[in-house]
Amino acid sequence: MRNTHLSVVSFALALMAGPVLAGDTPSAPDARAYFINLSDGDTVKGPITVQMGLSGMGIAPAGTEKENTGHHHLLSNRVAFGEGADDAEMTETGIFADDNHRHFGGGQTEVTLDLPAGEHTLQLVLGDLYHVPHNPPVVSERITIIVE
């Protein structure tokens, strides 16, 4: 029981120390995030299924410390990653969690979204065990879709 308690405390402390290590997790040189079933300019009927792909690295749940792995984050209806005023903060402290920054810390590679009709932008950003983008960041192309 004592060892279990110490492990939980150690893990919690490691998570709290995450921002100190921000941006230090290297990405594989050939890593690439991409959309499997959506392309720029697609017109789709809602609700939409988004299939998230990754090559050159592996998927692992948040909190998993394993080289060349990470988990997806879906950025929607915002400027491309790297062009936002607060992207430097996310690179240091972790990707935000709100309606425009969805986390898939369980290692999910697919989600169904009920987006309102109209134009929407989507982009994938791979996060490390602390939700911090890798160095260099692994991001997909920012695509625009139209939901009918």
N, C-alpha and C. Protein backbone atom coordinates (compact mmCIF):
# COMPACT_ATOMS: atom_id res chain seq x y z
N MET A 1 0.82 -1.19 0.00
CA MET A 1 0.00 0.00 0.00
C MET A 1 0.87 1.25 0.00
N ARG A 2 1.94 1.23 0.79
CA ARG A 2 2.82 2.39 0.87
C ARG A 2 3.48 2.66 -0.47
N ASN A 3 3.94 1.61 -1.17
CA ASN A 3 4.56 1.79 -2.48
C ASN A 3 3.58 2.37 -3.48
N THR A 4 2.32 1.96 -3.42
CA THR A 4 1.30 2.49 -4.31
C THR A 4 1.12 3.98 -4.05
N HIS A 5 1.05 4.36 -2.78
CA HIS A 5 0.89 5.77 -2.41
C HIS A 5 2.08 6.59 -2.92
N LEU A 6 3.28 6.06 -2.74
CA LEU A 6 4.47 6.78 -3.21
C LEU A 6 4.47 6.92 -4.72
N SER A 7 4.00 5.90 -5.43
CA SER A 7 3.94 5.97 -6.88
C SER A 7 2.95 7.03 -7.34
N VAL A 8 1.80 7.11 -6.67
CA VAL A 8 0.80 8.11 -7.01
C VAL A 8 1.35 9.51 -6.76
N VAL A 9 1.99 9.70 -5.62
CA VAL A 9 2.58 11.00 -5.29
C VAL A 9 3.67 11.36 -6.30
N SER A 10 4.52 10.40 -6.65
CA SER A 10 5.59 10.65 -7.61
C SER A 10 5.03 11.05 -8.97
N PHE A 11 3.97 10.36 -9.40
CA PHE A 11 3.35 10.67 -10.69
C PHE A 11 2.74 12.07 -10.65
N ALA A 12 2.05 12.42 -9.56
CA ALA A 12 1.45 13.75 -9.44
C ALA A 12 2.51 14.84 -9.48
N LEU A 13 3.63 14.62 -8.79
CA LEU A 13 4.71 15.60 -8.81
C LEU A 13 5.31 15.73 -10.20
N ALA A 14 5.43 14.62 -10.91
CA ALA A 14 5.97 14.67 -12.28
C ALA A 14 5.04 15.47 -13.19
N LEU A 15 3.72 15.29 -13.03
CA LEU A 15 2.78 16.05 -13.84
C LEU A 15 2.85 17.53 -13.54
N MET A 16 3.00 17.88 -12.26
CA MET A 16 3.09 19.28 -11.88
C MET A 16 4.38 19.90 -12.40
N ALA A 17 5.41 19.11 -12.54
CA ALA A 17 6.69 19.61 -13.03
C ALA A 17 6.70 19.73 -14.54
N GLY A 18 5.65 19.24 -15.21
CA GLY A 18 5.59 19.23 -16.66
C GLY A 18 5.95 20.53 -17.33
N PRO A 19 5.34 21.65 -16.93
CA PRO A 19 5.65 22.89 -17.62
C PRO A 19 7.13 23.27 -17.56
N VAL A 20 7.84 22.83 -16.54
CA VAL A 20 9.27 23.12 -16.46
C VAL A 20 10.00 22.45 -17.62
N LEU A 21 9.50 21.30 -18.04
CA LEU A 21 10.12 20.54 -19.12
C LEU A 21 9.50 20.85 -20.48
N ALA A 22 8.63 21.84 -20.51
CA ALA A 22 7.86 22.13 -21.71
C ALA A 22 8.73 22.33 -22.94
N GLY A 23 8.27 21.76 -24.03
CA GLY A 23 8.97 21.92 -25.29
C GLY A 23 10.25 21.11 -25.39
N ASP A 24 10.56 20.33 -24.37
CA ASP A 24 11.81 19.57 -24.37
C ASP A 24 11.66 18.18 -24.96
N THR A 25 10.43 17.75 -25.22
CA THR A 25 10.23 16.42 -25.75
C THR A 25 10.48 16.43 -27.26
N PRO A 26 11.52 15.73 -27.71
CA PRO A 26 11.82 15.75 -29.15
C PRO A 26 10.80 14.94 -29.95
N SER A 27 10.56 15.40 -31.16
CA SER A 27 9.74 14.62 -32.09
C SER A 27 10.68 13.88 -33.03
N ALA A 28 10.16 12.83 -33.62
CA ALA A 28 10.94 12.09 -34.62
C ALA A 28 11.07 12.96 -35.87
N PRO A 29 12.22 12.90 -36.53
CA PRO A 29 12.45 13.78 -37.69
C PRO A 29 11.42 13.63 -38.81
N ASP A 30 10.86 12.44 -38.98
CA ASP A 30 9.91 12.21 -40.08
C ASP A 30 8.46 12.18 -39.62
N ALA A 31 8.18 12.62 -38.39
CA ALA A 31 6.82 12.55 -37.84
C ALA A 31 5.88 13.49 -38.60
N ARG A 32 4.65 13.01 -38.77
CA ARG A 32 3.65 13.79 -39.50
C ARG A 32 2.26 13.47 -38.97
N ALA A 33 1.49 14.51 -38.63
CA ALA A 33 0.09 14.36 -38.24
C ALA A 33 -0.77 14.71 -39.45
N TYR A 34 -1.89 14.02 -39.61
CA TYR A 34 -2.73 14.26 -40.79
C TYR A 34 -4.15 13.78 -40.53
N PHE A 35 -5.07 14.28 -41.33
CA PHE A 35 -6.46 13.82 -41.30
C PHE A 35 -6.60 12.67 -42.27
N ILE A 36 -7.21 11.59 -41.81
CA ILE A 36 -7.37 10.40 -42.65
C ILE A 36 -8.54 10.56 -43.60
N ASN A 37 -9.67 11.05 -43.10
CA ASN A 37 -10.90 11.03 -43.88
C ASN A 37 -11.40 12.41 -44.30
N LEU A 38 -10.65 13.46 -44.02
CA LEU A 38 -11.07 14.80 -44.41
C LEU A 38 -9.94 15.49 -45.18
N SER A 39 -10.34 16.33 -46.12
CA SER A 39 -9.37 17.10 -46.91
C SER A 39 -9.82 18.55 -46.94
N ASP A 40 -8.87 19.42 -47.20
CA ASP A 40 -9.18 20.84 -47.30
C ASP A 40 -10.24 21.05 -48.38
N GLY A 41 -11.29 21.80 -48.04
CA GLY A 41 -12.35 22.11 -49.00
C GLY A 41 -13.51 21.14 -49.01
N ASP A 42 -13.44 20.06 -48.22
CA ASP A 42 -14.54 19.08 -48.19
C ASP A 42 -15.83 19.71 -47.68
N THR A 43 -16.95 19.27 -48.27
CA THR A 43 -18.28 19.59 -47.76
C THR A 43 -18.83 18.31 -47.18
N VAL A 44 -19.26 18.36 -45.90
CA VAL A 44 -19.70 17.16 -45.19
C VAL A 44 -21.03 17.42 -44.49
N LYS A 45 -21.75 16.35 -44.23
CA LYS A 45 -23.00 16.45 -43.48
C LYS A 45 -22.68 16.13 -42.02
N GLY A 46 -23.26 16.91 -41.11
CA GLY A 46 -23.03 16.69 -39.68
C GLY A 46 -23.96 15.64 -39.13
N PRO A 47 -23.65 15.04 -38.01
CA PRO A 47 -22.37 15.19 -37.31
C PRO A 47 -21.24 14.56 -38.12
N ILE A 48 -20.02 15.06 -37.89
CA ILE A 48 -18.89 14.58 -38.68
C ILE A 48 -17.97 13.71 -37.83
N THR A 49 -17.39 12.72 -38.48
CA THR A 49 -16.38 11.90 -37.84
C THR A 49 -15.03 12.38 -38.33
N VAL A 50 -14.13 12.60 -37.37
CA VAL A 50 -12.77 13.03 -37.70
C VAL A 50 -11.83 11.89 -37.33
N GLN A 51 -11.12 11.37 -38.33
CA GLN A 51 -10.13 10.33 -38.10
C GLN A 51 -8.75 10.97 -38.16
N MET A 52 -7.99 10.80 -37.05
CA MET A 52 -6.69 11.45 -36.90
C MET A 52 -5.57 10.46 -37.14
N GLY A 53 -4.64 10.84 -38.01
CA GLY A 53 -3.53 9.96 -38.35
C GLY A 53 -2.20 10.50 -37.87
N LEU A 54 -1.26 9.59 -37.73
CA LEU A 54 0.10 9.95 -37.32
C LEU A 54 1.06 8.95 -37.94
N SER A 55 2.12 9.45 -38.53
CA SER A 55 3.16 8.56 -39.03
C SER A 55 4.50 9.02 -38.48
N GLY A 56 5.42 8.08 -38.34
CA GLY A 56 6.76 8.38 -37.83
C GLY A 56 6.87 8.41 -36.33
N MET A 57 5.75 8.34 -35.62
CA MET A 57 5.71 8.28 -34.16
C MET A 57 4.51 7.42 -33.77
N GLY A 58 4.38 7.15 -32.47
CA GLY A 58 3.27 6.36 -31.99
C GLY A 58 2.34 7.15 -31.09
N ILE A 59 1.15 6.62 -30.89
CA ILE A 59 0.16 7.23 -30.00
C ILE A 59 0.27 6.58 -28.62
N ALA A 60 0.26 7.42 -27.59
CA ALA A 60 0.24 6.94 -26.20
C ALA A 60 -0.61 7.91 -25.38
N PRO A 61 -1.31 7.42 -24.39
CA PRO A 61 -2.14 8.31 -23.56
C PRO A 61 -1.29 9.36 -22.84
N ALA A 62 -1.93 10.48 -22.51
CA ALA A 62 -1.27 11.52 -21.72
C ALA A 62 -0.73 10.88 -20.44
N GLY A 63 0.41 11.36 -19.98
CA GLY A 63 1.03 10.82 -18.77
C GLY A 63 1.94 9.65 -19.02
N THR A 64 1.98 9.15 -20.27
CA THR A 64 2.84 8.02 -20.62
C THR A 64 4.18 8.54 -21.12
N GLU A 65 5.22 8.20 -20.41
CA GLU A 65 6.55 8.64 -20.81
C GLU A 65 7.21 7.54 -21.63
N LYS A 66 7.15 7.71 -22.95
CA LYS A 66 7.74 6.74 -23.87
C LYS A 66 8.24 7.51 -25.09
N GLU A 67 9.47 7.29 -25.44
CA GLU A 67 10.10 8.01 -26.54
C GLU A 67 9.30 7.88 -27.83
N ASN A 68 9.26 8.99 -28.58
CA ASN A 68 8.59 9.04 -29.89
C ASN A 68 7.11 8.71 -29.84
N THR A 69 6.43 9.15 -28.78
CA THR A 69 4.99 9.00 -28.70
C THR A 69 4.35 10.31 -28.28
N GLY A 70 3.06 10.39 -28.46
CA GLY A 70 2.27 11.54 -28.04
C GLY A 70 0.80 11.25 -28.26
N HIS A 71 -0.02 12.26 -28.07
CA HIS A 71 -1.46 12.11 -28.29
C HIS A 71 -1.99 13.34 -29.02
N HIS A 72 -3.11 13.15 -29.70
CA HIS A 72 -3.67 14.20 -30.56
C HIS A 72 -4.39 15.28 -29.77
N HIS A 73 -4.36 16.48 -30.35
CA HIS A 73 -5.17 17.62 -29.94
C HIS A 73 -5.77 18.16 -31.24
N LEU A 74 -7.04 18.48 -31.21
CA LEU A 74 -7.72 19.01 -32.39
C LEU A 74 -8.01 20.49 -32.15
N LEU A 75 -7.42 21.33 -32.96
CA LEU A 75 -7.65 22.77 -32.90
C LEU A 75 -8.68 23.11 -33.95
N SER A 76 -9.71 23.85 -33.56
CA SER A 76 -10.77 24.19 -34.51
C SER A 76 -11.10 25.67 -34.45
N ASN A 77 -11.40 26.20 -35.61
CA ASN A 77 -11.87 27.58 -35.75
C ASN A 77 -10.96 28.60 -35.07
N ARG A 78 -9.69 28.48 -35.38
CA ARG A 78 -8.68 29.42 -34.89
C ARG A 78 -7.55 29.49 -35.91
N VAL A 79 -6.66 30.42 -35.72
CA VAL A 79 -5.54 30.56 -36.66
C VAL A 79 -4.68 29.30 -36.59
N ALA A 80 -3.86 29.11 -37.60
CA ALA A 80 -2.97 27.95 -37.64
C ALA A 80 -2.02 27.97 -36.44
N PHE A 81 -1.71 26.79 -35.92
CA PHE A 81 -0.79 26.70 -34.80
C PHE A 81 0.55 27.32 -35.20
N GLY A 82 1.07 28.15 -34.32
CA GLY A 82 2.30 28.87 -34.59
C GLY A 82 2.05 30.31 -34.98
N GLU A 83 0.79 30.62 -35.32
CA GLU A 83 0.43 31.99 -35.71
C GLU A 83 -0.43 32.69 -34.66
N GLY A 84 -0.84 31.95 -33.63
CA GLY A 84 -1.70 32.53 -32.59
C GLY A 84 -0.90 33.29 -31.55
N ALA A 85 -1.52 34.31 -31.01
CA ALA A 85 -0.86 35.14 -30.01
C ALA A 85 -0.49 34.35 -28.76
N ASP A 86 -1.26 33.31 -28.45
CA ASP A 86 -0.99 32.54 -27.23
C ASP A 86 -0.33 31.18 -27.50
N ASP A 87 0.13 30.93 -28.71
CA ASP A 87 0.76 29.65 -29.04
C ASP A 87 2.08 29.46 -28.30
N ALA A 88 2.83 30.54 -28.06
CA ALA A 88 4.08 30.42 -27.31
C ALA A 88 3.79 29.94 -25.88
N GLU A 89 2.70 30.43 -25.30
CA GLU A 89 2.32 29.99 -23.96
C GLU A 89 1.98 28.51 -23.96
N MET A 90 1.26 28.05 -24.98
CA MET A 90 0.90 26.63 -25.05
C MET A 90 2.14 25.77 -25.23
N THR A 91 3.15 26.29 -25.91
CA THR A 91 4.39 25.55 -26.11
C THR A 91 5.16 25.41 -24.80
N GLU A 92 4.91 26.30 -23.87
CA GLU A 92 5.59 26.24 -22.56
C GLU A 92 4.77 25.51 -21.51
N THR A 93 3.44 25.71 -21.51
CA THR A 93 2.63 25.18 -20.42
C THR A 93 1.68 24.07 -20.82
N GLY A 94 1.47 23.88 -22.09
CA GLY A 94 0.56 22.85 -22.55
C GLY A 94 -0.59 23.45 -23.35
N ILE A 95 -1.14 22.63 -24.22
CA ILE A 95 -2.24 23.08 -25.08
C ILE A 95 -3.48 23.30 -24.23
N PHE A 96 -4.14 24.42 -24.47
CA PHE A 96 -5.35 24.76 -23.72
C PHE A 96 -6.42 23.70 -23.93
N ALA A 97 -7.40 23.68 -23.04
CA ALA A 97 -8.55 22.79 -23.17
C ALA A 97 -9.81 23.64 -23.18
N ASP A 98 -10.40 23.81 -24.36
CA ASP A 98 -11.65 24.55 -24.50
C ASP A 98 -12.30 24.09 -25.81
N ASP A 99 -13.34 24.80 -26.24
CA ASP A 99 -14.06 24.39 -27.45
C ASP A 99 -13.20 24.45 -28.71
N ASN A 100 -12.13 25.24 -28.68
CA ASN A 100 -11.26 25.36 -29.84
C ASN A 100 -10.01 24.50 -29.74
N HIS A 101 -9.82 23.84 -28.60
CA HIS A 101 -8.64 23.01 -28.36
C HIS A 101 -9.11 21.74 -27.65
N ARG A 102 -9.37 20.70 -28.43
CA ARG A 102 -9.89 19.45 -27.86
C ARG A 102 -8.74 18.48 -27.61
N HIS A 103 -8.75 17.85 -26.45
CA HIS A 103 -7.70 16.92 -26.04
C HIS A 103 -8.16 15.48 -26.22
N PHE A 104 -7.24 14.64 -26.66
CA PHE A 104 -7.50 13.21 -26.81
C PHE A 104 -6.43 12.45 -26.03
N GLY A 105 -6.35 12.79 -24.74
CA GLY A 105 -5.34 12.25 -23.84
C GLY A 105 -5.46 10.77 -23.56
N GLY A 106 -6.54 10.16 -23.97
CA GLY A 106 -6.69 8.72 -23.81
C GLY A 106 -6.06 7.96 -24.97
N GLY A 107 -5.51 8.69 -25.92
CA GLY A 107 -4.91 8.04 -27.09
C GLY A 107 -5.90 7.83 -28.22
N GLN A 108 -7.05 8.51 -28.16
CA GLN A 108 -8.06 8.35 -29.21
C GLN A 108 -7.54 8.85 -30.55
N THR A 109 -8.01 8.20 -31.60
CA THR A 109 -7.64 8.59 -32.96
C THR A 109 -8.87 8.90 -33.81
N GLU A 110 -10.04 8.95 -33.19
CA GLU A 110 -11.27 9.25 -33.91
C GLU A 110 -12.25 9.92 -32.96
N VAL A 111 -13.01 10.88 -33.49
CA VAL A 111 -14.03 11.56 -32.71
C VAL A 111 -15.17 11.95 -33.64
N THR A 112 -16.38 11.97 -33.11
CA THR A 112 -17.54 12.48 -33.85
C THR A 112 -17.92 13.81 -33.24
N LEU A 113 -18.02 14.83 -34.10
CA LEU A 113 -18.32 16.19 -33.65
C LEU A 113 -19.64 16.65 -34.25
N ASP A 114 -20.41 17.36 -33.46
CA ASP A 114 -21.66 17.94 -33.93
C ASP A 114 -21.42 19.43 -34.12
N LEU A 115 -20.75 19.78 -35.23
CA LEU A 115 -20.45 21.17 -35.52
C LEU A 115 -21.65 21.82 -36.20
N PRO A 116 -21.90 23.09 -35.92
CA PRO A 116 -23.00 23.78 -36.59
C PRO A 116 -22.71 23.93 -38.09
N ALA A 117 -23.76 24.10 -38.86
CA ALA A 117 -23.60 24.29 -40.30
C ALA A 117 -22.73 25.52 -40.55
N GLY A 118 -21.89 25.41 -41.58
CA GLY A 118 -21.02 26.52 -41.93
C GLY A 118 -19.59 26.07 -42.12
N GLU A 119 -18.70 27.07 -42.23
CA GLU A 119 -17.29 26.82 -42.48
C GLU A 119 -16.55 26.64 -41.16
N HIS A 120 -15.66 25.65 -41.13
CA HIS A 120 -14.87 25.36 -39.93
C HIS A 120 -13.44 25.03 -40.34
N THR A 121 -12.48 25.45 -39.51
CA THR A 121 -11.09 25.06 -39.73
C THR A 121 -10.71 24.01 -38.69
N LEU A 122 -9.85 23.09 -39.11
CA LEU A 122 -9.38 22.01 -38.24
C LEU A 122 -7.88 21.84 -38.42
N GLN A 123 -7.18 21.55 -37.33
CA GLN A 123 -5.75 21.26 -37.38
C GLN A 123 -5.41 20.35 -36.21
N LEU A 124 -4.52 19.40 -36.45
CA LEU A 124 -4.05 18.49 -35.41
C LEU A 124 -2.70 18.96 -34.89
N VAL A 125 -2.52 18.85 -33.58
CA VAL A 125 -1.23 19.12 -32.95
C VAL A 125 -0.96 17.96 -32.00
N LEU A 126 0.19 17.33 -32.14
CA LEU A 126 0.55 16.23 -31.25
C LEU A 126 1.12 16.81 -29.96
N GLY A 127 0.68 16.27 -28.83
CA GLY A 127 1.19 16.70 -27.54
C GLY A 127 1.94 15.58 -26.86
N ASP A 128 2.91 15.96 -26.01
CA ASP A 128 3.67 14.96 -25.27
C ASP A 128 2.87 14.52 -24.03
N LEU A 129 3.52 13.83 -23.11
CA LEU A 129 2.82 13.33 -21.94
C LEU A 129 2.19 14.42 -21.10
N TYR A 130 2.65 15.67 -21.24
CA TYR A 130 2.12 16.80 -20.48
C TYR A 130 1.21 17.70 -21.33
N HIS A 131 0.82 17.29 -22.51
CA HIS A 131 0.00 18.07 -23.45
C HIS A 131 0.80 19.22 -24.08
N VAL A 132 2.10 19.15 -24.07
CA VAL A 132 2.96 20.18 -24.65
C VAL A 132 3.38 19.74 -26.05
N PRO A 133 3.31 20.63 -27.03
CA PRO A 133 3.78 20.25 -28.36
C PRO A 133 5.25 19.82 -28.33
N HIS A 134 5.57 18.85 -29.17
CA HIS A 134 6.94 18.35 -29.27
C HIS A 134 7.86 19.41 -29.86
N ASN A 135 9.15 19.12 -29.85
CA ASN A 135 10.14 20.02 -30.41
C ASN A 135 10.90 19.28 -31.51
N PRO A 136 10.73 19.64 -32.78
CA PRO A 136 9.78 20.63 -33.30
C PRO A 136 8.35 20.08 -33.26
N PRO A 137 7.36 20.99 -33.27
CA PRO A 137 5.96 20.55 -33.20
C PRO A 137 5.58 19.65 -34.37
N VAL A 138 4.72 18.68 -34.06
CA VAL A 138 4.16 17.80 -35.09
C VAL A 138 2.72 18.26 -35.30
N VAL A 139 2.48 18.92 -36.43
CA VAL A 139 1.17 19.49 -36.71
C VAL A 139 0.72 19.07 -38.11
N SER A 140 -0.58 19.00 -38.28
CA SER A 140 -1.13 18.71 -39.59
C SER A 140 -1.31 20.01 -40.35
N GLU A 141 -1.64 19.85 -41.61
CA GLU A 141 -2.10 20.99 -42.40
C GLU A 141 -3.38 21.51 -41.75
N ARG A 142 -3.59 22.79 -41.76
CA ARG A 142 -4.86 23.38 -41.29
C ARG A 142 -5.82 23.33 -42.46
N ILE A 143 -6.94 22.62 -42.26
CA ILE A 143 -7.90 22.46 -43.35
C ILE A 143 -9.18 23.23 -43.04
N THR A 144 -9.91 23.55 -44.09
CA THR A 144 -11.21 24.19 -43.95
C THR A 144 -12.23 23.22 -44.54
N ILE A 145 -13.29 22.98 -43.77
CA ILE A 145 -14.39 22.14 -44.24
C ILE A 145 -15.68 22.93 -44.13
N ILE A 146 -16.69 22.51 -44.88
CA ILE A 146 -18.00 23.13 -44.81
C ILE A 146 -18.98 22.05 -44.34
N VAL A 147 -19.67 22.34 -43.24
CA VAL A 147 -20.66 21.41 -42.69
C VAL A 147 -22.04 21.87 -43.18
N GLU A 148 -22.76 20.94 -43.80
CA GLU A 148 -24.13 21.25 -44.30
C GLU A 148 -25.15 21.07 -43.20
